[in-house]
Amino acid sequence: MSKKVVLAFSGGLDTSISVSWLKKKHNLDVITAIVDIGQDENFDEIEKKAYSIGASKHCTIDAKQEFINNYIFSAIKSNALYQNKYPLATALGRPLIAYKLVEIANQENTKIFSHGCTGKGNDQARFDVTLRSVMPDAKIIAPVRDENMSRDEEIQYAKDLNVSIEKKSQYSIDENLWGRSIEGGILEDSFEEPPKDIYKWVNVNNDLADRYIEIDFNNGIPISIDGITDSLEMITHLNDVAGKYGIGIVDHIEDRLMGIKSREIYEAPAATVLIEAHKDLEKLVLTRNELEIKSLLEQKWSWMIYSGLFVDPLVKAINSFINKTQERVNGTVRLKLRSNSLTVVGRKSENSIYDQNLSSYSSSSDFNQTYSKGFIEIWGLQSKFNEGETK
């Protein structure tokens, strides 16, 4: 009886040829699995395809709510933007998929896994590190990477096997609730403006009347948007509304984990709005010192998630710090949407440390300006002495 392998399966070229490769080259019984984290796919058709090309079993797992609760919410609290641009949609999804593969492997009594990642991208690290952190003795087979296959060789292999590969686009596209990434094709020319037809979520040609939205946060997590309280509906609502206003496009020269620079295009309307609103509310309730240290940890957190280190102890330690700060991140943020722009126009919180009476320039201010003279004198002592030494 053949040993079993659990293959992360999307139905695309890389994973489709992997089914045959695993069977013929490794004599493995292939169990394919796809995890629904909000991608727009026909899961029934993907299942049919898996069986048609030789899978012995196929699993479709709905993990959208888990993706929101355990991954997206952490990203919001961390204001997660890799290189201050990318909201980490794909990077957040991969460790969750890896966890689900392990669950299936435990059910099937196997420790062999496979994925369609190449040796140039980031996903290989995200899958491999997570799988081996959960199951240290896991064996991982990545046919495209292991055999150093080019795209042309993959296509030829698929033809030789008579495996039908539907060419949906000239681009490589990945999608989940938190964002949509587009790369390849003419986008590889870093000076070429992206054609408008690559966008699916964001309407770049819009002339809509201004619109206001209000987002309520509790412990740093959105709990209501325009009266919607279901977390899945909130995110899909924002992707729809903000996307219609042309909000959420990221055109980014990105440093991949392997040291390669790549040109990436992202659509992330909900992520753009929620992170902007969350950062603004934090300014109202957190101290300057907290904000300064948190911003440094946010950069580290984002880099580690991007680099496939979701399970690293440092990530857990950073989460502890961030979760502590979020205890006071409660309140409401009001935003104004207009064509291709997003602006925070109001914020309020019971935990606000903004005092209008202190900051006001009116006669009602409680601040005694005479105190500032002595403070400034002491504040500038070292600068004053240093300047004197240079003369």
Foldseek 3Di string as FASTA:
>chain_A
DAAAEEEADDQALLRLLVQVCCCPVVVHQYEYEYEAQADPDDVVVSQVLCVVSHHPHYYYHYCNVVLVPPFVLLLLLLLADAVNFHSCPVLSPLLVVLVVSVVVCVVVVHQEYEYRDAPPAQSVLQNPVSSCVVPVPHHYDHPCHVVVDDPVNSVVSCVVSVRDHDCPDQWDWDDHLQKIKTFHDPVQPVVDDDDPVVDDQADQDAADDKDKKKFWDALSGTQAINRDGDSSCLSVVQSNPQRDLRPAWTFDFDQGPVRDTGTMIMGGRSSVVSNVQSVVLLVFQPDPVLVVVSNVLSNVLNVCSRNNNCVPPVNVVNSVSSSVSSNQSGWMWMWMGGRNDIDTDDIDGPNGPDDCLCPDPDPSRPDDVVVVVVVVCVVCVVVVVVVVVVD
